[in-house]
Amino acid sequence: MREEPLPTEWHWKQALNERGFTAADAIVSPSESHASLLRTCYQLPREISVVYNAMESELHGSVKEPFVLAAGRWWDESKNARILDQAARESSWEVELAGSTRSPSGGEVEISHATQLGELSHDALIDRIRHAAIVVSPSLYEPFGLLALEGARAGAALALADIPTYRELWDDCALFFDPRDGEALVSVLARYARDHVLREEMGRQALRRSRTFTPVNQAAAMAHLYEFLITPAELRRARSA
């Protein structure tokens, strides 16, 4: 994310992860893009299995209201609160931020233009997602990005950072922007705000795509992996011969 070497104070975490990868019988990633990053950062002892995250709830059906919703741990710099707050200053629609701006260590990100909702219960957040006409994620990095899935399941128009994970999961179902360019995000939000036909069409496409990320598909993928792990190596070799 920072495009620089890992700081020395995080080497212990890297070593711990490497020990875990070596000890594991399988390595699972929630997206191919995240798997690719793992391959870049670590010498992995085996291939990575990609099993997408999932959700069961149907969230669409509520009347959409003219506001933009984002949610995350905003003190985490990867969530990119600064760019979102910059866009909120110029957006014709209100931009709501759900989630904490204060880190466990006491640091805090300053929000000046977006409406802060603070930390919401899951039910309260889902209620805002149901009603938001636009759901935005400006993240610089995501292994999967559950907010995008929840927004899509609600039939919202998605405005997503142009990062590999979101391209993998939501290409052709969202409008994308450079997450380091506040004006690019402003442009995407303005385009959605003035074009209800575009919003509705992109919302339908996102909803359709979201229905591929189901617990049934997720369970089937994990069951296939477990079956592979418990099958003796000799039998696996015989089957592939």
C-alpha atoms as a PDB file:
ATOM      1  CA  MET A   1       0.000   0.000   0.000  1.00  0.00           C
ATOM      2  CA  ARG A   2       2.815   2.395   0.905  1.00  0.00           C
ATOM      3  CA  GLU A   3       5.031   0.990  -1.860  1.00  0.00           C
ATOM      4  CA  GLU A   4       8.050   0.847   0.450  1.00  0.00           C
ATOM      5  CA  PRO A   5       9.969  -1.873   2.357  1.00  0.00           C
ATOM      6  CA  LEU A   6       8.367  -3.396   5.438  1.00  0.00           C
ATOM      7  CA  PRO A   7       9.361  -1.387   8.536  1.00  0.00           C
ATOM      8  CA  THR A   8      11.722  -3.202  10.887  1.00  0.00           C
ATOM      9  CA  GLU A   9       9.188  -3.125  13.714  1.00  0.00           C
ATOM     10  CA  TRP A  10       6.886  -5.374  11.644  1.00  0.00           C
ATOM     11  CA  HIS A  11       9.426  -8.102  10.864  1.00  0.00           C
ATOM     12  CA  TRP A  12       8.142 -10.193  13.771  1.00  0.00           C
ATOM     13  CA  LYS A  13       4.708 -10.273  12.146  1.00  0.00           C
ATOM     14  CA  GLN A  14       6.159 -11.354   8.820  1.00  0.00           C
ATOM     15  CA  ALA A  15       8.096 -14.167  10.517  1.00  0.00           C
ATOM     16  CA  LEU A  16       4.987 -15.283  12.410  1.00  0.00           C
ATOM     17  CA  ASN A  17       2.975 -15.415   9.183  1.00  0.00           C
ATOM     18  CA  GLU A  18       5.697 -17.432   7.474  1.00  0.00           C
ATOM     19  CA  ARG A  19       5.660 -19.995  10.287  1.00  0.00           C
ATOM     20  CA  GLY A  20       1.896 -20.248   9.966  1.00  0.00           C
ATOM     21  CA  PHE A  21       2.054 -20.766   6.201  1.00  0.00           C
ATOM     22  CA  THR A  22       4.676 -23.487   6.644  1.00  0.00           C
ATOM     23  CA  ALA A  23       2.653 -25.323   9.286  1.00  0.00           C
ATOM     24  CA  ALA A  24      -0.682 -25.130   7.461  1.00  0.00           C
ATOM     25  CA  ASP A  25      -2.065 -27.918   5.290  1.00  0.00           C
ATOM     26  CA  ALA A  26      -3.836 -25.337   3.123  1.00  0.00           C
ATOM     27  CA  ILE A  27      -3.669 -21.593   2.521  1.00  0.00           C
ATOM     28  CA  VAL A  28      -6.948 -19.865   1.672  1.00  0.00           C
ATOM     29  CA  SER A  29      -7.427 -16.348   0.315  1.00  0.00           C
ATOM     30  CA  PRO A  30     -10.732 -14.464  -0.191  1.00  0.00           C
ATOM     31  CA  SER A  31      -9.624 -13.204  -3.626  1.00  0.00           C
ATOM     32  CA  GLU A  32      -7.064 -13.964  -6.321  1.00  0.00           C
ATOM     33  CA  SER A  33      -5.661 -10.446  -6.033  1.00  0.00           C
ATOM     34  CA  HIS A  34      -4.939 -10.967  -2.329  1.00  0.00           C
ATOM     35  CA  ALA A  35      -3.419 -14.350  -3.135  1.00  0.00           C
ATOM     36  CA  SER A  36      -1.138 -12.648  -5.645  1.00  0.00           C
ATOM     37  CA  LEU A  37       0.074 -10.224  -2.986  1.00  0.00           C
ATOM     38  CA  LEU A  38       0.763 -13.098  -0.606  1.00  0.00           C
ATOM     39  CA  ARG A  39       2.863 -14.797  -3.274  1.00  0.00           C
ATOM     40  CA  THR A  40       4.802 -11.563  -3.740  1.00  0.00           C
ATOM     41  CA  CYS A  41       5.427 -11.025  -0.029  1.00  0.00           C
ATOM     42  CA  TYR A  42       6.152 -14.586   1.090  1.00  0.00           C
ATOM     43  CA  GLN A  43       7.925 -17.718  -0.045  1.00  0.00           C
ATOM     44  CA  LEU A  44       4.871 -19.940   0.174  1.00  0.00           C
ATOM     45  CA  PRO A  45       5.279 -23.702   0.598  1.00  0.00           C
ATOM     46  CA  ARG A  46       2.129 -24.547  -1.376  1.00  0.00           C
ATOM     47  CA  GLU A  47      -0.482 -23.131  -3.729  1.00  0.00           C
ATOM     48  CA  ILE A  48      -3.198 -20.813  -2.442  1.00  0.00           C
ATOM     49  CA  SER A  49      -6.868 -21.768  -2.690  1.00  0.00           C
ATOM     50  CA  VAL A  50      -9.193 -18.851  -3.451  1.00  0.00           C
ATOM     51  CA  VAL A  51     -12.560 -19.025  -1.689  1.00  0.00           C
ATOM     52  CA  TYR A  52     -14.660 -15.887  -1.964  1.00  0.00           C
ATOM     53  CA  ASN A  53     -16.451 -14.370   1.004  1.00  0.00           C
ATOM     54  CA  ALA A  54     -20.231 -14.615   1.009  1.00  0.00           C
ATOM     55  CA  MET A  55     -23.458 -13.327   2.472  1.00  0.00           C
ATOM     56  CA  GLU A  56     -26.954 -14.767   2.595  1.00  0.00           C
ATOM     57  CA  SER A  57     -29.167 -11.777   3.405  1.00  0.00           C
ATOM     58  CA  GLU A  58     -31.223 -10.097   0.696  1.00  0.00           C
ATOM     59  CA  LEU A  59     -30.973  -6.351   1.321  1.00  0.00           C
ATOM     60  CA  HIS A  60     -32.569  -4.837  -1.776  1.00  0.00           C
ATOM     61  CA  GLY A  61     -36.096  -3.455  -1.956  1.00  0.00           C
ATOM     62  CA  SER A  62     -35.901  -0.290   0.148  1.00  0.00           C
ATOM     63  CA  VAL A  63     -36.485   3.119  -1.417  1.00  0.00           C
ATOM     64  CA  LYS A  64     -33.143   4.690  -2.292  1.00  0.00           C
ATOM     65  CA  GLU A  65     -32.325   8.094  -0.848  1.00  0.00           C
ATOM     66  CA  PRO A  66     -29.921  10.693  -2.293  1.00  0.00           C
ATOM     67  CA  PHE A  67     -26.877  10.174  -0.107  1.00  0.00           C
ATOM     68  CA  VAL A  68     -23.514   8.435  -0.347  1.00  0.00           C
ATOM     69  CA  LEU A  69     -22.500   5.873   2.284  1.00  0.00           C
ATOM     70  CA  ALA A  70     -19.074   4.613   3.253  1.00  0.00           C
ATOM     71  CA  ALA A  71     -18.074   2.449   6.216  1.00  0.00           C
ATOM     72  CA  GLY A  72     -14.800   1.344   7.707  1.00  0.00           C
ATOM     73  CA  ARG A  73     -12.170   1.773  10.390  1.00  0.00           C
ATOM     74  CA  TRP A  74     -11.274   5.272   9.259  1.00  0.00           C
ATOM     75  CA  TRP A  75      -8.200   5.548  11.472  1.00  0.00           C
ATOM     76  CA  ASP A  76      -6.625   2.838   9.278  1.00  0.00           C
ATOM     77  CA  GLU A  77      -4.825   4.749   6.533  1.00  0.00           C
ATOM     78  CA  SER A  78      -5.593   1.992   4.016  1.00  0.00           C
ATOM     79  CA  LYS A  79      -9.287   2.995   4.234  1.00  0.00           C
ATOM     80  CA  ASN A  80      -8.338   6.357   2.700  1.00  0.00           C
ATOM     81  CA  ALA A  81     -10.556   8.670   4.756  1.00  0.00           C
ATOM     82  CA  ARG A  82      -8.686  11.770   3.583  1.00  0.00           C
ATOM     83  CA  ILE A  83      -9.708  11.348  -0.065  1.00  0.00           C
ATOM     84  CA  LEU A  84     -13.303  10.612   0.885  1.00  0.00           C
ATOM     85  CA  ASP A  85     -13.520  13.676   3.116  1.00  0.00           C
ATOM     86  CA  GLN A  86     -12.040  15.777   0.316  1.00  0.00           C
ATOM     87  CA  ALA A  87     -14.709  14.492  -2.073  1.00  0.00           C
ATOM     88  CA  ALA A  88     -17.450  15.175   0.485  1.00  0.00           C
ATOM     89  CA  ARG A  89     -16.504  18.851   0.417  1.00  0.00           C
ATOM     90  CA  GLU A  90     -17.403  19.055  -3.280  1.00  0.00           C
ATOM     91  CA  SER A  91     -20.182  16.470  -3.521  1.00  0.00           C
ATOM     92  CA  SER A  92     -23.708  17.695  -4.224  1.00  0.00           C
ATOM     93  CA  TRP A  93     -24.975  14.780  -2.133  1.00  0.00           C
ATOM     94  CA  GLU A  94     -24.319  14.212   1.549  1.00  0.00           C
ATOM     95  CA  VAL A  95     -21.521  11.722   2.221  1.00  0.00           C
ATOM     96  CA  GLU A  96     -22.020   9.626   5.370  1.00  0.00           C
ATOM     97  CA  LEU A  97     -19.131   7.854   7.096  1.00  0.00           C
ATOM     98  CA  ALA A  98     -19.965   4.972   9.422  1.00  0.00           C
ATOM     99  CA  GLY A  99     -17.209   3.651  11.653  1.00  0.00           C
ATOM    100  CA  SER A 100     -14.622   4.792  14.126  1.00  0.00           C
ATOM    101  CA  THR A 101     -12.147   7.578  13.404  1.00  0.00           C
ATOM    102  CA  ARG A 102     -10.112   6.881  16.571  1.00  0.00           C
ATOM    103  CA  SER A 103      -7.579   4.053  16.630  1.00  0.00           C
ATOM    104  CA  PRO A 104      -7.077   1.725  19.629  1.00  0.00           C
ATOM    105  CA  SER A 105      -3.742   3.475  20.235  1.00  0.00           C
ATOM    106  CA  GLY A 106      -5.461   6.864  20.515  1.00  0.00           C
ATOM    107  CA  GLY A 107      -4.690   8.378  17.128  1.00  0.00           C
ATOM    108  CA  GLU A 108      -7.541   9.967  15.212  1.00  0.00           C
ATOM    109  CA  VAL A 109      -8.213  10.936  11.617  1.00  0.00           C
ATOM    110  CA  GLU A 110      -9.799  14.345  11.127  1.00  0.00           C
ATOM    111  CA  ILE A 111     -13.079  14.486   9.200  1.00  0.00           C
ATOM    112  CA  SER A 112     -14.218  17.979   8.237  1.00  0.00           C
ATOM    113  CA  HIS A 113     -16.762  17.633   5.428  1.00  0.00           C
ATOM    114  CA  ALA A 114     -18.414  14.196   5.549  1.00  0.00           C
ATOM    115  CA  THR A 115     -21.185  13.418   8.035  1.00  0.00           C
ATOM    116  CA  GLN A 116     -19.830  11.162  10.766  1.00  0.00           C
ATOM    117  CA  LEU A 117     -22.217   8.459  11.936  1.00  0.00           C
ATOM    118  CA  GLY A 118     -19.719   6.942  14.356  1.00  0.00           C
ATOM    119  CA  GLU A 119     -19.684   3.270  15.214  1.00  0.00           C
ATOM    120  CA  LEU A 120     -23.036   1.691  14.373  1.00  0.00           C
ATOM    121  CA  SER A 121     -24.530  -1.641  15.313  1.00  0.00           C
ATOM    122  CA  HIS A 122     -24.655  -4.110  12.448  1.00  0.00           C
ATOM    123  CA  ASP A 123     -28.417  -3.676  12.108  1.00  0.00           C
ATOM    124  CA  ALA A 124     -28.117   0.117  12.038  1.00  0.00           C
ATOM    125  CA  LEU A 125     -25.388  -0.023   9.396  1.00  0.00           C
ATOM    126  CA  ILE A 126     -27.418  -2.406   7.245  1.00  0.00           C
ATOM    127  CA  ASP A 127     -30.355   0.003   7.468  1.00  0.00           C
ATOM    128  CA  ARG A 128     -28.199   2.824   6.077  1.00  0.00           C
ATOM    129  CA  ILE A 129     -26.862   0.527   3.347  1.00  0.00           C
ATOM    130  CA  ARG A 130     -30.408  -0.414   2.330  1.00  0.00           C
ATOM    131  CA  HIS A 131     -31.325   3.237   1.772  1.00  0.00           C
ATOM    132  CA  ALA A 132     -28.104   4.611   0.271  1.00  0.00           C
ATOM    133  CA  ALA A 133     -28.335   5.292  -3.451  1.00  0.00           C
ATOM    134  CA  ILE A 134     -24.530   5.145  -3.692  1.00  0.00           C
ATOM    135  CA  VAL A 135     -22.083   3.043  -1.676  1.00  0.00           C
ATOM    136  CA  VAL A 136     -18.440   4.055  -1.950  1.00  0.00           C
ATOM    137  CA  SER A 137     -15.179   2.414  -0.927  1.00  0.00           C
ATOM    138  CA  PRO A 138     -11.978   4.428  -1.472  1.00  0.00           C
ATOM    139  CA  SER A 139      -9.699   1.777   0.068  1.00  0.00           C
ATOM    140  CA  LEU A 140      -6.108   1.584  -1.089  1.00  0.00           C
ATOM    141  CA  TYR A 141      -6.105  -2.134  -0.300  1.00  0.00           C
ATOM    142  CA  GLU A 142      -8.731  -4.790   0.422  1.00  0.00           C
ATOM    143  CA  PRO A 143      -8.475  -8.586   0.612  1.00  0.00           C
ATOM    144  CA  PHE A 144     -12.171  -8.748  -0.385  1.00  0.00           C
ATOM    145  CA  GLY A 145     -14.208  -5.739   0.763  1.00  0.00           C
ATOM    146  CA  LEU A 146     -17.439  -6.734   2.504  1.00  0.00           C
ATOM    147  CA  LEU A 147     -18.966  -3.256   2.269  1.00  0.00           C
ATOM    148  CA  ALA A 148     -19.002  -3.498  -1.520  1.00  0.00           C
ATOM    149  CA  LEU A 149     -20.797  -6.847  -1.285  1.00  0.00           C
ATOM    150  CA  GLU A 150     -23.353  -5.465   1.164  1.00  0.00           C
ATOM    151  CA  GLY A 151     -23.931  -2.407  -0.997  1.00  0.00           C
ATOM    152  CA  ALA A 152     -24.339  -4.567  -4.076  1.00  0.00           C
ATOM    153  CA  ARG A 153     -26.777  -6.882  -2.302  1.00  0.00           C
ATOM    154  CA  ALA A 154     -28.825  -3.791  -1.443  1.00  0.00           C
ATOM    155  CA  GLY A 155     -28.872  -2.749  -5.099  1.00  0.00           C
ATOM    156  CA  ALA A 156     -26.836   0.411  -4.521  1.00  0.00           C
ATOM    157  CA  ALA A 157     -24.682   1.944  -7.225  1.00  0.00           C
ATOM    158  CA  LEU A 158     -21.065   1.139  -6.356  1.00  0.00           C
ATOM    159  CA  ALA A 159     -18.261   3.706  -6.534  1.00  0.00           C
ATOM    160  CA  LEU A 160     -15.056   1.767  -5.949  1.00  0.00           C
ATOM    161  CA  ALA A 161     -11.354   2.431  -5.771  1.00  0.00           C
ATOM    162  CA  ASP A 162      -9.598   1.113  -8.852  1.00  0.00           C
ATOM    163  CA  ILE A 163      -7.607  -1.578  -7.051  1.00  0.00           C
ATOM    164  CA  PRO A 164      -7.053  -5.175  -8.221  1.00  0.00           C
ATOM    165  CA  THR A 165      -9.474  -6.733  -5.725  1.00  0.00           C
ATOM    166  CA  TYR A 166     -12.407  -4.586  -6.752  1.00  0.00           C
ATOM    167  CA  ARG A 167     -11.649  -5.038 -10.444  1.00  0.00           C
ATOM    168  CA  GLU A 168     -11.583  -8.799  -9.928  1.00  0.00           C
ATOM    169  CA  LEU A 169     -14.906  -8.892  -8.101  1.00  0.00           C
ATOM    170  CA  TRP A 170     -16.918  -5.979  -9.520  1.00  0.00           C
ATOM    171  CA  ASP A 171     -15.587  -5.160 -12.985  1.00  0.00           C
ATOM    172  CA  ASP A 172     -18.503  -3.960 -15.183  1.00  0.00           C
ATOM    173  CA  CYS A 173     -20.681  -3.593 -12.059  1.00  0.00           C
ATOM    174  CA  ALA A 174     -19.283  -0.351 -10.622  1.00  0.00           C
ATOM    175  CA  LEU A 175     -17.735   2.976 -11.522  1.00  0.00           C
ATOM    176  CA  PHE A 176     -14.052   3.073 -10.593  1.00  0.00           C
ATOM    177  CA  PHE A 177     -11.743   5.911  -9.592  1.00  0.00           C
ATOM    178  CA  ASP A 178      -8.080   6.393  -8.759  1.00  0.00           C
ATOM    179  CA  PRO A 179      -8.046   6.181  -4.933  1.00  0.00           C
ATOM    180  CA  ARG A 180      -5.203   8.696  -4.738  1.00  0.00           C
ATOM    181  CA  ASP A 181      -7.109  11.299  -6.773  1.00  0.00           C
ATOM    182  CA  GLY A 182      -9.860  13.122  -4.913  1.00  0.00           C
ATOM    183  CA  GLU A 183     -11.139  14.822  -8.057  1.00  0.00           C
ATOM    184  CA  ALA A 184     -11.603  11.434  -9.719  1.00  0.00           C
ATOM    185  CA  LEU A 185     -13.890  10.393  -6.873  1.00  0.00           C
ATOM    186  CA  VAL A 186     -15.769  13.705  -7.059  1.00  0.00           C
ATOM    187  CA  SER A 187     -16.334  13.072 -10.773  1.00  0.00           C
ATOM    188  CA  VAL A 188     -17.711   9.561 -10.194  1.00  0.00           C
ATOM    189  CA  LEU A 189     -20.080  10.734  -7.449  1.00  0.00           C
ATOM    190  CA  ALA A 190     -21.285  13.624  -9.613  1.00  0.00           C
ATOM    191  CA  ARG A 191     -21.918  11.302 -12.539  1.00  0.00           C
ATOM    192  CA  TYR A 192     -24.045   9.018 -10.393  1.00  0.00           C
ATOM    193  CA  ALA A 193     -25.870  11.903  -8.696  1.00  0.00           C
ATOM    194  CA  ARG A 194     -27.082  13.436 -11.948  1.00  0.00           C
ATOM    195  CA  ASP A 195     -28.032  10.190 -13.731  1.00  0.00           C
ATOM    196  CA  HIS A 196     -30.660   8.058 -11.996  1.00  0.00           C
ATOM    197  CA  VAL A 197     -30.836   5.680 -14.966  1.00  0.00           C
ATOM    198  CA  LEU A 198     -27.120   4.932 -14.604  1.00  0.00           C
ATOM    199  CA  ARG A 199     -27.473   4.466 -10.836  1.00  0.00           C
ATOM    200  CA  GLU A 200     -30.334   2.022 -11.244  1.00  0.00           C
ATOM    201  CA  GLU A 201     -28.610   0.046 -13.995  1.00  0.00           C
ATOM    202  CA  MET A 202     -25.332  -0.237 -12.097  1.00  0.00           C
ATOM    203  CA  GLY A 203     -27.266  -1.176  -8.976  1.00  0.00           C
ATOM    204  CA  ARG A 204     -28.993  -3.998 -10.862  1.00  0.00           C
ATOM    205  CA  GLN A 205     -25.696  -5.261 -12.255  1.00  0.00           C
ATOM    206  CA  ALA A 206     -24.061  -5.176  -8.833  1.00  0.00           C
ATOM    207  CA  LEU A 207     -27.019  -7.005  -7.282  1.00  0.00           C
ATOM    208  CA  ARG A 208     -26.816  -9.691  -9.955  1.00  0.00           C
ATOM    209  CA  ARG A 209     -23.089 -10.166  -9.370  1.00  0.00           C
ATOM    210  CA  SER A 210     -23.531 -10.214  -5.587  1.00  0.00           C
ATOM    211  CA  ARG A 211     -25.748 -13.278  -5.856  1.00  0.00           C
ATOM    212  CA  THR A 212     -22.757 -15.335  -6.966  1.00  0.00           C
ATOM    213  CA  PHE A 213     -21.124 -14.752  -3.560  1.00  0.00           C
ATOM    214  CA  THR A 214     -23.363 -17.090  -1.587  1.00  0.00           C
ATOM    215  CA  PRO A 215     -22.778 -19.328   1.444  1.00  0.00           C
ATOM    216  CA  VAL A 216     -23.697 -22.314  -0.746  1.00  0.00           C
ATOM    217  CA  ASN A 217     -20.895 -21.557  -3.198  1.00  0.00           C
ATOM    218  CA  GLN A 218     -18.484 -20.756  -0.390  1.00  0.00           C
ATOM    219  CA  ALA A 219     -19.296 -23.994   1.440  1.00  0.00           C
ATOM    220  CA  ALA A 220     -18.921 -26.027  -1.755  1.00  0.00           C
ATOM    221  CA  ALA A 221     -15.465 -24.551  -2.354  1.00  0.00           C
ATOM    222  CA  MET A 222     -14.368 -25.282   1.204  1.00  0.00           C
ATOM    223  CA  ALA A 223     -15.823 -28.801   1.080  1.00  0.00           C
ATOM    224  CA  HIS A 224     -13.830 -29.461  -2.092  1.00  0.00           C
ATOM    225  CA  LEU A 225     -10.678 -28.263  -0.335  1.00  0.00           C
ATOM    226  CA  TYR A 226     -11.336 -30.412   2.739  1.00  0.00           C
ATOM    227  CA  GLU A 227     -11.972 -33.445   0.538  1.00  0.00           C
ATOM    228  CA  PHE A 228      -8.622 -32.864  -1.140  1.00  0.00           C
ATOM    229  CA  LEU A 229      -6.845 -32.593   2.210  1.00  0.00           C
ATOM    230  CA  ILE A 230      -8.247 -35.827   3.620  1.00  0.00           C
ATOM    231  CA  THR A 231      -7.646 -37.840   0.446  1.00  0.00           C
ATOM    232  CA  PRO A 232      -4.375 -39.810   0.684  1.00  0.00           C
ATOM    233  CA  ALA A 233      -1.627 -38.490  -1.585  1.00  0.00           C
ATOM    234  CA  GLU A 234      -1.354 -41.825  -3.395  1.00  0.00           C
ATOM    235  CA  LEU A 235      -5.035 -41.745  -4.309  1.00  0.00           C
ATOM    236  CA  ARG A 236      -4.788 -38.125  -5.463  1.00  0.00           C
ATOM    237  CA  ARG A 237      -1.890 -39.047  -7.745  1.00  0.00           C
ATOM    238  CA  ALA A 238      -3.831 -42.012  -9.127  1.00  0.00           C
ATOM    239  CA  ARG A 239      -6.861 -39.841  -9.878  1.00  0.00           C
ATOM    240  CA  SER A 240      -4.769 -37.279 -11.727  1.00  0.00           C
ATOM    241  CA  ALA A 241      -2.864 -39.869 -13.773  1.00  0.00           C
END
